[in-house]
Protein backbone atom coordinates (compact mmCIF):
# COMPACT_ATOMS: atom_id res chain seq x y z
CA MET A 1 0.00 0.00 0.00
CA ARG A 2 1.39 3.33 -1.06
CA VAL A 3 2.53 5.90 1.51
CA MET A 4 0.59 9.14 0.98
CA GLU A 5 2.77 11.64 2.84
CA ARG A 6 4.27 13.49 -0.11
CA THR A 7 4.37 17.29 -0.06
CA PHE A 8 3.61 19.65 -2.90
CA ARG A 9 7.33 20.24 -3.43
CA GLU A 10 7.89 16.50 -3.79
CA GLN A 11 5.01 16.39 -6.27
CA LEU A 12 6.79 19.09 -8.29
CA PHE A 13 10.01 17.10 -8.35
CA PHE A 14 8.29 14.02 -9.72
CA LEU A 15 6.22 16.17 -12.05
CA VAL A 16 9.20 17.70 -13.83
CA LEU A 17 10.95 14.36 -14.15
CA CYS A 18 7.89 12.95 -15.87
CA LEU A 19 8.34 15.55 -18.62
CA SER A 20 11.28 13.62 -20.00
CA VAL A 21 8.91 11.30 -21.81
CA LEU A 22 6.64 13.98 -23.24
CA LYS A 23 8.84 15.24 -26.06
CA GLY A 24 11.92 13.67 -27.61
CA ASP A 25 15.02 12.03 -26.23
CA SER A 26 15.28 11.99 -22.42
CA ARG A 27 18.93 11.00 -22.07
CA TYR A 28 20.04 14.45 -20.92
CA ILE A 29 17.65 14.38 -17.97
CA GLU A 30 20.20 12.29 -16.11
CA ASN A 31 22.93 14.89 -16.60
CA ASN A 32 21.13 18.17 -16.02
CA GLU A 33 22.83 18.67 -12.62
CA ILE A 34 19.58 19.52 -10.88
CA SER A 35 18.97 17.83 -7.54
CA LYS A 36 15.73 17.37 -5.64
CA ASP A 37 16.92 19.80 -2.94
CA GLU A 38 17.79 22.39 -5.58
CA LEU A 39 14.34 22.14 -7.12
CA TYR A 40 12.79 22.54 -3.66
CA SER A 41 14.92 25.63 -3.07
CA PHE A 42 13.76 27.09 -6.39
CA PHE A 43 10.15 26.73 -5.35
CA ASN A 44 10.61 28.19 -1.87
CA SER A 45 12.74 31.13 -2.95
CA GLU A 46 10.45 32.00 -5.86
CA LEU A 47 7.34 32.09 -3.70
CA LYS A 48 8.90 34.24 -0.99
CA ARG A 49 10.85 36.67 -3.14
CA GLU A 50 9.43 40.17 -3.62
CA MET A 51 10.52 42.13 -6.66
CA PRO A 52 11.05 45.90 -6.21
CA GLU A 53 8.86 47.88 -8.57
CA GLU A 54 11.78 49.88 -9.94
CA LEU A 55 13.96 46.85 -10.66
CA MET A 56 13.05 43.82 -12.77
CA TYR A 57 14.15 40.53 -11.30
CA ARG A 58 16.46 38.55 -13.59
CA ARG A 59 17.99 35.10 -13.40
CA PRO A 60 18.99 32.21 -15.69
CA LEU A 61 16.68 29.29 -16.34
CA ARG A 62 17.58 25.63 -15.98
CA CYS A 63 16.41 22.79 -18.19
CA LEU A 64 13.91 21.82 -15.47
CA ASP A 65 12.69 24.81 -13.50
CA MET A 66 9.91 26.45 -11.52
CA VAL A 67 9.12 30.18 -11.66
CA ALA A 68 6.63 31.87 -9.34
CA VAL A 69 7.69 35.52 -9.61
CA GLU A 70 7.63 38.18 -12.29
CA GLY A 71 10.89 38.89 -14.06
CA GLN A 72 13.12 38.24 -17.01
CA PHE A 73 14.52 34.75 -17.46
CA THR A 74 17.22 33.55 -19.86
CA PHE A 75 18.17 30.06 -20.91
CA THR A 76 21.53 29.45 -22.60
CA ALA A 77 22.36 25.92 -23.72
CA GLU A 78 25.79 24.64 -22.69
CA ARG A 79 25.10 21.39 -24.57
CA PRO A 80 22.14 19.89 -26.45
CA GLN A 81 19.02 19.99 -24.27
CA LEU A 82 16.31 17.89 -25.86
CA SER A 83 13.63 17.60 -23.17
CA CYS A 84 13.22 20.68 -21.00
CA ALA A 85 10.33 22.39 -19.26
CA VAL A 86 9.64 25.37 -17.03
CA PHE A 87 6.55 25.59 -14.83
CA PHE A 88 5.04 29.01 -14.07
CA MET A 89 2.73 29.64 -11.12
CA ALA A 90 0.90 32.73 -9.84
CA GLU A 91 -1.58 33.50 -7.08
CA PRO A 92 -5.10 32.06 -7.47
CA ASN A 93 -6.49 35.44 -8.61
CA GLU A 94 -3.81 35.99 -11.26
CA VAL A 95 -3.02 34.88 -14.80
CA ILE A 96 0.43 34.76 -16.39
CA SER A 97 1.81 36.35 -19.54
CA VAL A 98 4.98 35.10 -21.25
CA ASP A 99 6.70 37.51 -23.65
CA TYR A 100 9.48 36.46 -26.02
CA ASP A 101 12.28 39.05 -25.79
CA ASN A 102 15.34 37.61 -27.50
CA VAL A 103 15.25 34.22 -29.18
CA ASP A 104 18.28 32.63 -30.86
CA ILE A 105 17.35 29.06 -31.69
CA ASP A 106 17.43 26.96 -34.87
CA CYS A 107 13.78 26.30 -35.74
CA ARG A 108 14.73 24.63 -39.03
CA GLY A 109 17.16 22.36 -37.20
CA GLY A 110 14.45 21.01 -34.87
CA ASP A 111 14.64 23.48 -31.99
CA PHE A 112 11.37 24.70 -30.49
CA ILE A 113 9.88 26.70 -27.63
CA THR A 114 6.22 25.95 -26.90
CA VAL A 115 4.04 27.69 -24.33
CA PHE A 116 1.23 25.57 -22.90
CA ASP A 117 -1.83 27.16 -21.30
CA GLY A 118 -1.86 25.06 -18.11
CA TRP A 119 0.30 22.23 -16.78
CA VAL A 120 1.02 18.75 -18.14
CA MET A 121 1.98 15.77 -15.96
CA LYS A 122 2.28 12.17 -17.14
CA GLY A 123 0.26 13.03 -20.21
CA GLU A 124 -2.56 14.57 -18.13
CA LYS A 125 -3.49 18.23 -18.44
CA PHE A 126 -4.67 20.84 -16.00
CA PRO A 127 -7.18 22.28 -16.62
CA SER A 128 -8.79 19.28 -18.28
CA SER A 129 -10.22 19.55 -21.77
CA GLN A 130 -13.70 19.65 -20.22
CA ASP A 131 -12.87 22.65 -18.03
CA HIS A 132 -10.66 24.79 -20.28
CA PRO A 133 -12.29 27.39 -22.57
CA LEU A 134 -9.98 26.58 -25.50
CA PRO A 135 -9.60 23.37 -27.51
CA VAL A 136 -6.39 21.52 -26.73
CA PHE A 137 -4.58 22.45 -29.96
CA GLU A 138 -5.08 26.17 -29.26
CA ARG A 139 -3.48 25.81 -25.83
CA TYR A 140 -0.09 25.07 -27.43
CA VAL A 141 1.65 28.14 -28.89
CA ASP A 142 4.92 27.36 -30.65
CA TYR A 143 7.43 30.15 -31.19
CA CYS A 144 8.75 28.69 -34.44
CA ASP A 145 5.23 28.67 -35.87
CA SER A 146 4.02 32.01 -34.53
CA GLY A 147 7.00 33.91 -33.09
CA SER A 148 7.00 36.65 -35.71
CA VAL A 149 3.26 37.19 -35.21
CA ARG A 150 2.57 36.32 -31.59
CA LYS A 151 5.35 37.34 -29.22
CA SER A 152 3.19 37.35 -26.10
CA VAL A 153 1.08 34.52 -24.69
CA ARG A 154 -1.32 34.83 -21.75
CA SER A 155 -2.62 31.94 -19.67
CA SER A 156 -6.27 31.37 -18.77
CA GLN A 157 -5.48 30.49 -15.13
CA ASN A 158 -2.73 30.79 -12.51
CA VAL A 159 -0.43 28.16 -14.06
CA ALA A 160 1.34 27.82 -17.40
CA MET A 161 4.47 26.14 -18.70
CA ILE A 162 6.92 26.00 -21.58
CA PHE A 163 8.50 23.01 -23.30
CA PHE A 164 11.71 23.56 -25.22
CA ARG A 165 14.31 21.64 -27.18
CA ILE A 166 17.68 23.07 -28.21
CA HIS A 167 20.27 21.13 -30.21
CA ASN A 168 23.23 23.52 -30.35
CA ALA A 169 25.40 24.81 -27.51
CA GLY A 170 25.25 28.60 -27.30
CA SER A 171 21.66 28.89 -28.48
CA SER A 172 19.52 30.91 -26.09
CA PHE A 173 16.25 32.68 -25.43
CA THR A 174 14.95 35.27 -22.97
CA LEU A 175 11.40 35.48 -21.64
CA THR A 176 9.63 38.12 -19.57
CA VAL A 177 7.01 36.76 -17.18
CA ARG A 178 4.30 39.01 -15.77
CA LYS A 179 1.23 38.44 -13.61
CA HIS A 180 -2.16 40.05 -14.15
CA ILE A 181 -5.21 40.25 -11.91
CA ASN A 182 -8.03 37.93 -12.90
CA PRO A 183 -11.35 39.29 -11.52
CA PHE A 184 -13.12 35.92 -11.84
CA PRO A 185 -10.52 33.16 -11.42
CA CYS A 186 -11.46 29.80 -12.88
CA ASN A 187 -9.22 26.72 -12.60
CA VAL A 188 -6.56 27.13 -9.93
CA ILE A 189 -3.70 25.03 -8.58
CA SER A 190 -3.09 25.98 -4.96
CA GLN A 191 0.38 27.06 -3.88
CA SER A 192 -0.29 26.26 -0.24
CA PRO A 193 -1.18 23.15 1.80
CA GLU A 194 -3.71 25.21 3.75
CA GLY A 195 -5.95 28.19 3.15
CA SER A 196 -9.44 29.35 2.24
CA TYR A 197 -11.02 30.29 -1.05
CA THR A 198 -14.28 31.45 -2.60
CA MET A 199 -15.05 30.43 -6.17
CA VAL A 200 -17.60 32.52 -8.11
CA ILE A 201 -18.98 31.94 -11.61
CA PRO A 202 -20.99 35.03 -12.70
CA GLN A 203 -23.70 33.61 -14.95
CA GLN A 204 -21.28 31.92 -17.34
CA HIS A 205 -21.64 28.47 -18.86
CA ARG A 206 -18.33 26.99 -17.74
CA ASN A 207 -16.65 24.59 -15.31
CA CYS A 208 -14.09 25.74 -12.75
CA SER A 209 -11.75 23.70 -10.55
CA PHE A 210 -9.59 24.42 -7.50
CA SER A 211 -6.86 21.79 -7.23
CA ILE A 212 -5.01 21.04 -3.98
CA ILE A 213 -2.08 18.67 -4.53
CA TYR A 214 -2.15 17.29 -0.99
CA PRO A 215 -4.24 14.92 1.11
CA VAL A 216 -6.46 17.41 2.94
CA ALA A 217 -9.26 18.04 5.39
CA ILE A 218 -11.73 20.32 3.63
CA ASP A 219 -14.69 22.32 4.98
CA VAL A 220 -17.27 23.69 2.55
CA SER A 221 -18.77 26.56 4.55
CA GLU A 222 -21.11 28.21 2.04
CA PHE A 223 -22.72 27.11 -1.16
CA SER A 224 -25.03 29.16 -3.37
CA LEU A 225 -26.27 28.38 -6.85
CA GLY A 226 -28.81 31.17 -7.14
CA HIS A 227 -31.73 28.75 -7.06
CA TYR A 228 -33.32 26.06 -4.94
CA ASN A 229 -34.04 22.53 -6.02
CA LYS A 230 -35.20 19.33 -4.37
CA PHE A 231 -31.88 17.51 -4.30
CA PRO A 232 -30.11 17.01 -0.96
CA LYS A 233 -26.64 18.42 -0.50
CA ARG A 234 -25.00 14.98 -0.33
CA SER A 235 -24.25 12.98 -3.45
CA MET A 236 -27.25 11.90 -5.54
CA PRO A 237 -27.52 10.78 -9.17
CA GLY A 238 -29.87 13.72 -9.85
CA CYS A 239 -27.23 16.36 -9.06
CA ALA A 240 -25.71 16.28 -12.55
CA GLU A 241 -29.19 16.65 -14.05
CA SER A 242 -29.61 20.03 -12.34
CA GLY A 243 -26.90 21.55 -14.54
CA ASP A 244 -25.48 23.53 -11.59
CA PHE A 245 -23.54 21.72 -8.89
CA VAL A 246 -20.23 21.36 -7.06
CA GLN A 247 -18.16 18.19 -6.99
CA LEU A 248 -15.45 17.08 -4.61
CA LEU A 249 -12.99 14.90 -6.53
CA GLY A 250 -9.91 12.92 -5.54
CA GLY A 251 -7.17 10.91 -7.19
CA SER A 252 -3.50 10.80 -8.12
CA GLY A 253 -3.49 12.76 -11.40
CA ILE A 254 -4.15 16.37 -12.37
CA ASP A 255 -6.86 15.82 -15.00
CA THR A 256 -10.17 16.41 -13.22
CA SER A 257 -12.07 14.28 -15.75
CA LYS A 258 -10.08 11.25 -14.55
CA LEU A 259 -10.52 11.78 -10.80
CA LEU A 260 -12.88 9.88 -8.51
CA PRO A 261 -16.14 11.73 -7.68
CA ILE A 262 -16.38 11.77 -3.89
CA THR A 263 -19.56 13.79 -3.39
CA ASP A 264 -21.81 16.23 -5.25
CA LEU A 265 -23.46 19.32 -3.78
CA CYS A 266 -26.47 20.75 -5.59
CA ILE A 267 -28.53 22.73 -3.08
CA SER A 268 -27.69 26.07 -1.48
CA PHE A 269 -26.71 25.95 2.19
CA THR A 270 -24.74 27.73 4.90
CA GLY A 271 -22.83 25.67 7.40
CA PRO A 272 -19.83 23.38 7.28
CA THR A 273 -19.64 20.17 5.27
CA HIS A 274 -16.47 18.51 6.52
CA MET A 275 -14.49 15.78 4.76
CA LYS A 276 -11.03 14.24 4.96
CA ILE A 277 -9.64 13.15 1.60
CA GLY A 278 -6.39 11.16 1.49
CA CYS A 279 -5.70 11.51 -2.23
CA ASP A 280 -2.63 13.06 -3.86
CA ASN A 281 -4.93 15.60 -5.50
CA THR A 282 -8.17 16.98 -4.06
CA VAL A 283 -10.33 19.15 -6.30
CA VAL A 284 -13.34 21.38 -5.71
CA ARG A 285 -15.06 21.58 -9.11
CA MET A 286 -18.02 23.80 -9.93
CA VAL A 287 -20.24 23.14 -12.95
CA SER A 288 -22.40 26.07 -14.06
CA SER A 289 -25.17 26.24 -16.64
CA GLY A 290 -24.74 30.01 -16.88
CA LYS A 291 -28.27 30.70 -15.65
CA PHE A 292 -27.25 31.68 -12.13
CA VAL A 293 -24.46 33.29 -10.13
CA SER A 294 -22.74 30.28 -8.57
CA ARG A 295 -20.61 30.56 -5.44
CA VAL A 296 -18.83 28.16 -3.11
CA SER A 297 -16.56 28.94 -0.13
CA PHE A 298 -14.25 26.43 1.53
CA SER A 299 -11.15 26.06 3.68
CA TYR A 300 -8.57 23.29 3.69
CA ARG A 301 -5.49 22.01 5.50
CA VAL A 302 -3.06 19.18 4.86
CA LEU A 303 -3.68 15.93 6.72
CA ASP A 304 -1.01 14.77 9.14
CA SER A 305 0.41 11.23 9.08
CA GLN A 306 -1.80 10.02 11.93
CA GLU A 307 -4.96 11.21 10.17
CA LEU A 308 -3.87 9.47 6.98
CA GLN A 309 -3.39 6.18 8.82
CA THR A 310 -6.79 6.52 10.49
CA ILE A 311 -8.75 6.96 7.25
CA LYS A 312 -7.08 4.31 5.10
CA LEU A 313 -10.03 1.92 5.48
CA ASN A 314 -12.45 4.40 3.90
CA ASN A 315 -13.54 3.34 0.37
CA VAL A 316 -12.37 6.59 -1.16
CA GLU A 317 -9.03 6.28 0.57
CA ASP A 318 -8.66 2.70 -0.70
CA PHE A 319 -9.06 4.03 -4.21
CA CYS A 320 -6.50 6.77 -3.61
CA PHE A 321 -3.96 4.52 -1.92
CA ASN A 322 -4.21 1.71 -4.48
CA ASN A 323 -3.96 3.84 -7.60
């Protein structure tokens, strides 16, 4: 039975290693000189660093990297780098723009830089195809195909990433990363193992997800769908038929369409609904028909090791631990 005590930083380490199989030869992954501790330090320093308004933060990129601040970032190849990726993350109420500043790569020789609107892990995408406003092919923006026309790419949510492949030593590129306020955030990966959040969909026909990459205790404190119906707030087959509901999902991947439905909520209420979910990834997902203003508020915290041991016999936990 799998031990479920991995932190978000550990998830990031395994996540970036999985990218080696996404595009091209992975042999240089073994020699990229990045350690697990170094990747952890990237994540911690990026989240805590504050950039003075009068001075743009600058640093080099590595083949596998995490960026959570605004600034200018340059990658220079010291040898062929055939399978690289950089993950970008912002606050839940922000989106990310990536601007190409200086690019010196050989597109005709097989080099590429591709921005993806979201994250990819083990072939799974966040947000899922069901929850993202764009078709999958429009979420990939390749510099070699569109660099002369489209030098700036903006994400739809608080995470984005780039894939790149460079064959020749000395080739390089520079990107400027900025964050922008998103008045109605939809589809979020949480930076923190604990916190609170309110998700609002203002009469739009869309699905929104808040992903917490930890086993967590979660309290849904308020739930409003702008209407009343006969369904109880616990899971019932009729919830999906209402067209407006909230799901709690759990599993080991990041694609919400492949996670286990734990419970559905489809009637307005005020007062806590408490659950402990021992999955690698816990998601609060809201489905909206667009007819109402939908709102859900919740808080969450990471489960400790004793709590995880206590709940292993639960059916949901069996699913999470065995997959």
